[in-house]
Amino acid sequence: MANLNKERNLLELIPEKVCESTIDEEGKIIILAPRFKSKLGKKIFEPIIKKKHVKIHLDEIGTFVWKEIDGKKDVFAISENLKKEFGEKVEPVYERIGKFIAIMKVNGFIKLKEKGEN
């Protein structure tokens, strides 16, 4: 049984997309989050609701990070690429990406896995 109290370093975790996305006319990402997550909600409401997704529009930095999330790169590697692309504009980069990743995780847009985990 895995140790549930094991501390994990966010920078070593690998984000993986859970939601679909599309690109708007400006080249920015729109995350298509399911409006209903429960089976009951889907069964009752999806047939009568026309919009099955909530659209979350990302800015240029969020778009860059979303495109970097490939299920292979860890958060540290994504942070380094973010710094190369945007420089001082994204400082403090680790704090910023930490908040972004946390928001994406809490809202169910991504999941985090450890290296070697499928």
N, C-alpha and C. Protein backbone atom coordinates (compact mmCIF):
# COMPACT_ATOMS: atom_id res chain seq x y z
N MET A 1 0.85 -1.19 0.00
CA MET A 1 0.00 0.00 0.00
C MET A 1 0.89 1.24 0.00
N ALA A 2 0.57 2.20 -0.82
CA ALA A 2 1.36 3.43 -0.94
C ALA A 2 1.21 4.29 0.30
N ASN A 3 2.25 5.03 0.61
CA ASN A 3 2.23 5.94 1.74
C ASN A 3 1.45 7.20 1.35
N LEU A 4 0.28 7.38 1.93
CA LEU A 4 -0.58 8.51 1.57
C LEU A 4 -0.06 9.83 2.10
N ASN A 5 0.81 9.80 3.09
CA ASN A 5 1.34 11.03 3.67
C ASN A 5 2.63 11.48 3.00
N LYS A 6 3.06 10.79 1.98
CA LYS A 6 4.28 11.13 1.27
C LYS A 6 4.13 12.50 0.63
N GLU A 7 5.10 13.37 0.93
CA GLU A 7 5.06 14.71 0.33
C GLU A 7 5.51 14.61 -1.12
N ARG A 8 4.82 15.35 -1.96
CA ARG A 8 5.17 15.36 -3.38
C ARG A 8 5.57 16.77 -3.79
N ASN A 9 6.62 16.85 -4.56
CA ASN A 9 7.09 18.12 -5.07
C ASN A 9 6.35 18.39 -6.38
N LEU A 10 5.60 19.47 -6.43
CA LEU A 10 4.81 19.80 -7.62
C LEU A 10 5.67 19.85 -8.87
N LEU A 11 6.88 20.38 -8.76
CA LEU A 11 7.75 20.53 -9.93
C LEU A 11 8.14 19.18 -10.53
N GLU A 12 8.06 18.11 -9.75
CA GLU A 12 8.42 16.78 -10.24
C GLU A 12 7.23 16.01 -10.79
N LEU A 13 6.03 16.55 -10.62
CA LEU A 13 4.83 15.87 -11.10
C LEU A 13 4.59 16.16 -12.58
N ILE A 14 3.91 15.24 -13.21
CA ILE A 14 3.62 15.35 -14.64
C ILE A 14 2.13 15.59 -14.82
N PRO A 15 1.77 16.77 -15.36
CA PRO A 15 0.35 17.02 -15.61
C PRO A 15 -0.12 16.33 -16.89
N GLU A 16 -1.36 15.90 -16.85
CA GLU A 16 -1.97 15.24 -18.01
C GLU A 16 -3.37 15.81 -18.20
N LYS A 17 -3.70 16.17 -19.43
CA LYS A 17 -5.01 16.77 -19.71
C LYS A 17 -6.12 15.75 -19.51
N VAL A 18 -7.23 16.23 -18.96
CA VAL A 18 -8.41 15.40 -18.77
C VAL A 18 -9.53 15.91 -19.67
N CYS A 19 -9.52 17.21 -19.96
CA CYS A 19 -10.56 17.84 -20.76
C CYS A 19 -10.10 18.06 -22.20
N GLU A 20 -11.06 18.16 -23.07
CA GLU A 20 -10.78 18.52 -24.45
C GLU A 20 -10.56 20.02 -24.53
N SER A 21 -10.00 20.46 -25.64
CA SER A 21 -9.81 21.89 -25.85
C SER A 21 -9.89 22.19 -27.33
N THR A 22 -10.03 23.46 -27.63
CA THR A 22 -10.05 23.93 -28.99
C THR A 22 -9.26 25.24 -29.03
N ILE A 23 -9.07 25.78 -30.21
CA ILE A 23 -8.31 27.03 -30.36
C ILE A 23 -9.23 28.08 -30.97
N ASP A 24 -9.20 29.29 -30.39
CA ASP A 24 -10.02 30.37 -30.93
C ASP A 24 -9.32 31.04 -32.11
N GLU A 25 -9.97 32.05 -32.68
CA GLU A 25 -9.44 32.74 -33.86
C GLU A 25 -8.14 33.49 -33.59
N GLU A 26 -7.84 33.76 -32.32
CA GLU A 26 -6.59 34.44 -31.95
C GLU A 26 -5.48 33.45 -31.64
N GLY A 27 -5.76 32.16 -31.72
CA GLY A 27 -4.77 31.14 -31.43
C GLY A 27 -4.67 30.77 -29.97
N LYS A 28 -5.63 31.23 -29.17
CA LYS A 28 -5.64 30.92 -27.73
C LYS A 28 -6.53 29.72 -27.46
N ILE A 29 -6.19 29.00 -26.41
CA ILE A 29 -6.89 27.77 -26.05
C ILE A 29 -8.21 28.08 -25.34
N ILE A 30 -9.21 27.28 -25.68
CA ILE A 30 -10.48 27.26 -24.96
C ILE A 30 -10.64 25.84 -24.43
N ILE A 31 -10.66 25.69 -23.11
CA ILE A 31 -10.87 24.38 -22.50
C ILE A 31 -12.37 24.10 -22.52
N LEU A 32 -12.73 22.90 -22.94
CA LEU A 32 -14.12 22.48 -22.99
C LEU A 32 -14.39 21.54 -21.82
N ALA A 33 -14.80 22.12 -20.72
CA ALA A 33 -15.05 21.35 -19.50
C ALA A 33 -16.48 20.83 -19.52
N PRO A 34 -16.69 19.56 -19.18
CA PRO A 34 -18.05 19.03 -19.14
C PRO A 34 -18.91 19.82 -18.15
N ARG A 35 -20.10 20.17 -18.57
CA ARG A 35 -21.02 20.91 -17.70
C ARG A 35 -21.47 20.05 -16.51
N PHE A 36 -21.66 18.77 -16.77
CA PHE A 36 -22.09 17.84 -15.72
C PHE A 36 -21.06 16.73 -15.59
N LYS A 37 -20.61 16.49 -14.36
CA LYS A 37 -19.59 15.48 -14.12
C LYS A 37 -20.18 14.16 -13.62
N SER A 38 -21.30 14.24 -12.93
CA SER A 38 -21.89 13.01 -12.40
C SER A 38 -22.71 12.30 -13.48
N LYS A 39 -22.82 11.00 -13.34
CA LYS A 39 -23.62 10.21 -14.29
C LYS A 39 -25.08 10.63 -14.25
N LEU A 40 -25.57 10.91 -13.05
CA LEU A 40 -26.96 11.32 -12.89
C LEU A 40 -27.20 12.66 -13.58
N GLY A 41 -26.31 13.61 -13.38
CA GLY A 41 -26.43 14.92 -14.02
C GLY A 41 -26.43 14.80 -15.53
N LYS A 42 -25.53 13.97 -16.04
CA LYS A 42 -25.46 13.76 -17.49
C LYS A 42 -26.75 13.15 -18.01
N LYS A 43 -27.25 12.16 -17.29
CA LYS A 43 -28.44 11.44 -17.74
C LYS A 43 -29.68 12.35 -17.73
N ILE A 44 -29.81 13.15 -16.69
CA ILE A 44 -31.01 13.97 -16.55
C ILE A 44 -30.94 15.25 -17.39
N PHE A 45 -29.81 15.95 -17.30
CA PHE A 45 -29.75 17.29 -17.87
C PHE A 45 -29.17 17.40 -19.28
N GLU A 46 -28.22 16.52 -19.64
CA GLU A 46 -27.61 16.66 -20.97
C GLU A 46 -28.61 16.59 -22.12
N PRO A 47 -29.63 15.73 -22.04
CA PRO A 47 -30.58 15.70 -23.17
C PRO A 47 -31.35 17.01 -23.36
N ILE A 48 -31.53 17.81 -22.29
CA ILE A 48 -32.33 19.03 -22.43
C ILE A 48 -31.47 20.31 -22.50
N ILE A 49 -30.20 20.21 -22.17
CA ILE A 49 -29.30 21.36 -22.23
C ILE A 49 -28.53 21.30 -23.54
N LYS A 50 -28.55 22.38 -24.29
CA LYS A 50 -27.88 22.39 -25.58
C LYS A 50 -26.36 22.43 -25.45
N LYS A 51 -25.86 23.17 -24.48
CA LYS A 51 -24.42 23.30 -24.32
C LYS A 51 -23.92 22.29 -23.29
N LYS A 52 -23.22 21.28 -23.77
CA LYS A 52 -22.74 20.22 -22.90
C LYS A 52 -21.43 20.57 -22.22
N HIS A 53 -20.79 21.66 -22.66
CA HIS A 53 -19.51 22.08 -22.10
C HIS A 53 -19.55 23.52 -21.62
N VAL A 54 -18.70 23.79 -20.65
CA VAL A 54 -18.43 25.15 -20.21
C VAL A 54 -17.11 25.52 -20.87
N LYS A 55 -17.04 26.69 -21.46
CA LYS A 55 -15.83 27.11 -22.15
C LYS A 55 -14.99 28.00 -21.24
N ILE A 56 -13.73 27.61 -21.06
CA ILE A 56 -12.79 28.39 -20.26
C ILE A 56 -11.73 28.93 -21.21
N HIS A 57 -11.69 30.25 -21.34
CA HIS A 57 -10.76 30.91 -22.26
C HIS A 57 -9.45 31.21 -21.53
N LEU A 58 -8.33 30.74 -22.09
CA LEU A 58 -7.03 30.98 -21.50
C LEU A 58 -6.34 32.16 -22.17
N ASP A 59 -5.50 32.86 -21.40
CA ASP A 59 -4.69 33.94 -21.98
C ASP A 59 -3.48 33.33 -22.66
N GLU A 60 -2.56 34.17 -23.14
CA GLU A 60 -1.42 33.65 -23.90
C GLU A 60 -0.50 32.77 -23.05
N ILE A 61 -0.35 33.10 -21.78
CA ILE A 61 0.51 32.30 -20.91
C ILE A 61 -0.17 30.97 -20.59
N GLY A 62 -1.45 31.00 -20.25
CA GLY A 62 -2.20 29.77 -20.01
C GLY A 62 -2.23 28.88 -21.24
N THR A 63 -2.38 29.50 -22.40
CA THR A 63 -2.37 28.76 -23.66
C THR A 63 -1.04 28.05 -23.86
N PHE A 64 0.06 28.76 -23.60
CA PHE A 64 1.39 28.16 -23.74
C PHE A 64 1.53 26.96 -22.81
N VAL A 65 1.14 27.13 -21.55
CA VAL A 65 1.26 26.03 -20.58
C VAL A 65 0.38 24.86 -21.00
N TRP A 66 -0.86 25.13 -21.41
CA TRP A 66 -1.77 24.05 -21.84
C TRP A 66 -1.17 23.25 -22.99
N LYS A 67 -0.57 23.96 -23.94
CA LYS A 67 0.05 23.27 -25.08
C LYS A 67 1.26 22.44 -24.65
N GLU A 68 1.94 22.87 -23.59
CA GLU A 68 3.10 22.15 -23.07
C GLU A 68 2.71 20.87 -22.33
N ILE A 69 1.49 20.82 -21.83
CA ILE A 69 1.03 19.65 -21.08
C ILE A 69 0.79 18.51 -22.06
N ASP A 70 1.70 17.53 -22.00
CA ASP A 70 1.63 16.41 -22.94
C ASP A 70 1.62 15.05 -22.25
N GLY A 71 1.58 15.07 -20.91
CA GLY A 71 1.59 13.81 -20.17
C GLY A 71 2.97 13.21 -20.04
N LYS A 72 4.00 13.92 -20.53
CA LYS A 72 5.38 13.43 -20.46
C LYS A 72 6.29 14.39 -19.71
N LYS A 73 6.09 15.70 -19.92
CA LYS A 73 6.93 16.71 -19.27
C LYS A 73 6.45 16.97 -17.86
N ASP A 74 7.41 17.12 -16.93
CA ASP A 74 7.03 17.49 -15.57
C ASP A 74 6.85 19.00 -15.48
N VAL A 75 6.31 19.45 -14.37
CA VAL A 75 6.01 20.87 -14.18
C VAL A 75 7.29 21.71 -14.25
N PHE A 76 8.41 21.17 -13.77
CA PHE A 76 9.67 21.90 -13.84
C PHE A 76 10.06 22.18 -15.29
N ALA A 77 10.00 21.18 -16.15
CA ALA A 77 10.34 21.35 -17.57
C ALA A 77 9.41 22.36 -18.24
N ILE A 78 8.13 22.29 -17.91
CA ILE A 78 7.18 23.25 -18.47
C ILE A 78 7.53 24.66 -17.99
N SER A 79 7.92 24.79 -16.72
CA SER A 79 8.31 26.09 -16.16
C SER A 79 9.52 26.66 -16.89
N GLU A 80 10.49 25.82 -17.16
CA GLU A 80 11.70 26.27 -17.86
C GLU A 80 11.36 26.74 -19.27
N ASN A 81 10.50 26.01 -19.96
CA ASN A 81 10.07 26.43 -21.31
C ASN A 81 9.28 27.73 -21.26
N LEU A 82 8.50 27.89 -20.20
CA LEU A 82 7.72 29.11 -20.01
C LEU A 82 8.65 30.31 -19.83
N LYS A 83 9.70 30.12 -19.03
CA LYS A 83 10.68 31.20 -18.83
C LYS A 83 11.40 31.55 -20.13
N LYS A 84 11.74 30.54 -20.91
CA LYS A 84 12.42 30.78 -22.20
C LYS A 84 11.52 31.58 -23.14
N GLU A 85 10.24 31.26 -23.13
CA GLU A 85 9.29 31.91 -24.05
C GLU A 85 8.93 33.32 -23.62
N PHE A 86 8.70 33.55 -22.32
CA PHE A 86 8.16 34.83 -21.86
C PHE A 86 9.11 35.65 -21.00
N GLY A 87 10.21 35.08 -20.56
CA GLY A 87 11.19 35.81 -19.77
C GLY A 87 10.64 36.37 -18.47
N GLU A 88 10.98 37.64 -18.21
CA GLU A 88 10.59 38.31 -16.96
C GLU A 88 9.08 38.44 -16.79
N LYS A 89 8.35 38.38 -17.88
CA LYS A 89 6.89 38.55 -17.84
C LYS A 89 6.21 37.51 -16.94
N VAL A 90 6.83 36.34 -16.77
CA VAL A 90 6.20 35.26 -16.00
C VAL A 90 6.81 35.08 -14.61
N GLU A 91 7.69 35.96 -14.22
CA GLU A 91 8.30 35.83 -12.89
C GLU A 91 7.34 36.31 -11.82
N PRO A 92 7.28 35.67 -10.68
CA PRO A 92 7.99 34.45 -10.28
C PRO A 92 7.34 33.21 -10.90
N VAL A 93 8.06 32.57 -11.79
CA VAL A 93 7.50 31.51 -12.62
C VAL A 93 7.00 30.31 -11.82
N TYR A 94 7.73 29.88 -10.80
CA TYR A 94 7.30 28.67 -10.07
C TYR A 94 6.03 28.92 -9.27
N GLU A 95 5.93 30.09 -8.69
CA GLU A 95 4.71 30.45 -7.96
C GLU A 95 3.53 30.54 -8.92
N ARG A 96 3.78 31.16 -10.05
CA ARG A 96 2.73 31.34 -11.05
C ARG A 96 2.22 30.03 -11.61
N ILE A 97 3.16 29.19 -12.01
CA ILE A 97 2.75 27.90 -12.59
C ILE A 97 2.13 27.01 -11.53
N GLY A 98 2.60 27.14 -10.30
CA GLY A 98 2.01 26.37 -9.20
C GLY A 98 0.54 26.69 -9.03
N LYS A 99 0.21 27.99 -9.06
CA LYS A 99 -1.19 28.41 -8.93
C LYS A 99 -2.01 27.93 -10.13
N PHE A 100 -1.44 28.07 -11.33
CA PHE A 100 -2.15 27.66 -12.54
C PHE A 100 -2.45 26.16 -12.51
N ILE A 101 -1.43 25.36 -12.20
CA ILE A 101 -1.60 23.91 -12.15
C ILE A 101 -2.61 23.53 -11.07
N ALA A 102 -2.54 24.19 -9.91
CA ALA A 102 -3.49 23.90 -8.82
C ALA A 102 -4.92 24.19 -9.26
N ILE A 103 -5.14 25.30 -9.93
CA ILE A 103 -6.48 25.66 -10.41
C ILE A 103 -6.97 24.63 -11.44
N MET A 104 -6.09 24.25 -12.35
CA MET A 104 -6.46 23.26 -13.37
C MET A 104 -6.81 21.91 -12.72
N LYS A 105 -6.04 21.54 -11.70
CA LYS A 105 -6.28 20.26 -11.01
C LYS A 105 -7.58 20.29 -10.21
N VAL A 106 -7.78 21.34 -9.42
CA VAL A 106 -8.99 21.45 -8.59
C VAL A 106 -10.25 21.42 -9.44
N ASN A 107 -10.19 22.03 -10.60
CA ASN A 107 -11.36 22.08 -11.48
C ASN A 107 -11.51 20.85 -12.37
N GLY A 108 -10.58 19.92 -12.24
CA GLY A 108 -10.70 18.67 -12.99
C GLY A 108 -10.30 18.76 -14.44
N PHE A 109 -9.51 19.77 -14.81
CA PHE A 109 -9.07 19.92 -16.20
C PHE A 109 -7.83 19.09 -16.49
N ILE A 110 -7.05 18.81 -15.44
CA ILE A 110 -5.86 17.98 -15.56
C ILE A 110 -5.80 17.03 -14.38
N LYS A 111 -4.94 16.02 -14.51
CA LYS A 111 -4.59 15.19 -13.36
C LYS A 111 -3.07 15.20 -13.28
N LEU A 112 -2.55 14.92 -12.10
CA LEU A 112 -1.11 14.92 -11.88
C LEU A 112 -0.66 13.51 -11.57
N LYS A 113 0.44 13.12 -12.19
CA LYS A 113 0.99 11.81 -11.92
C LYS A 113 2.48 11.92 -11.64
N GLU A 114 3.02 10.91 -10.97
CA GLU A 114 4.43 10.87 -10.68
C GLU A 114 5.15 10.21 -11.84
N LYS A 115 6.45 10.48 -11.95
CA LYS A 115 7.26 9.87 -13.01
C LYS A 115 7.17 8.36 -12.89
N GLY A 116 7.00 7.69 -14.02
CA GLY A 116 6.90 6.25 -14.03
C GLY A 116 5.49 5.73 -13.80
N GLU A 117 4.56 6.61 -13.44
CA GLU A 117 3.16 6.24 -13.20
C GLU A 117 2.40 6.34 -14.52
N ASN A 118 1.50 5.41 -14.76
CA ASN A 118 0.70 5.46 -16.00
C ASN A 118 -0.58 6.16 -15.80
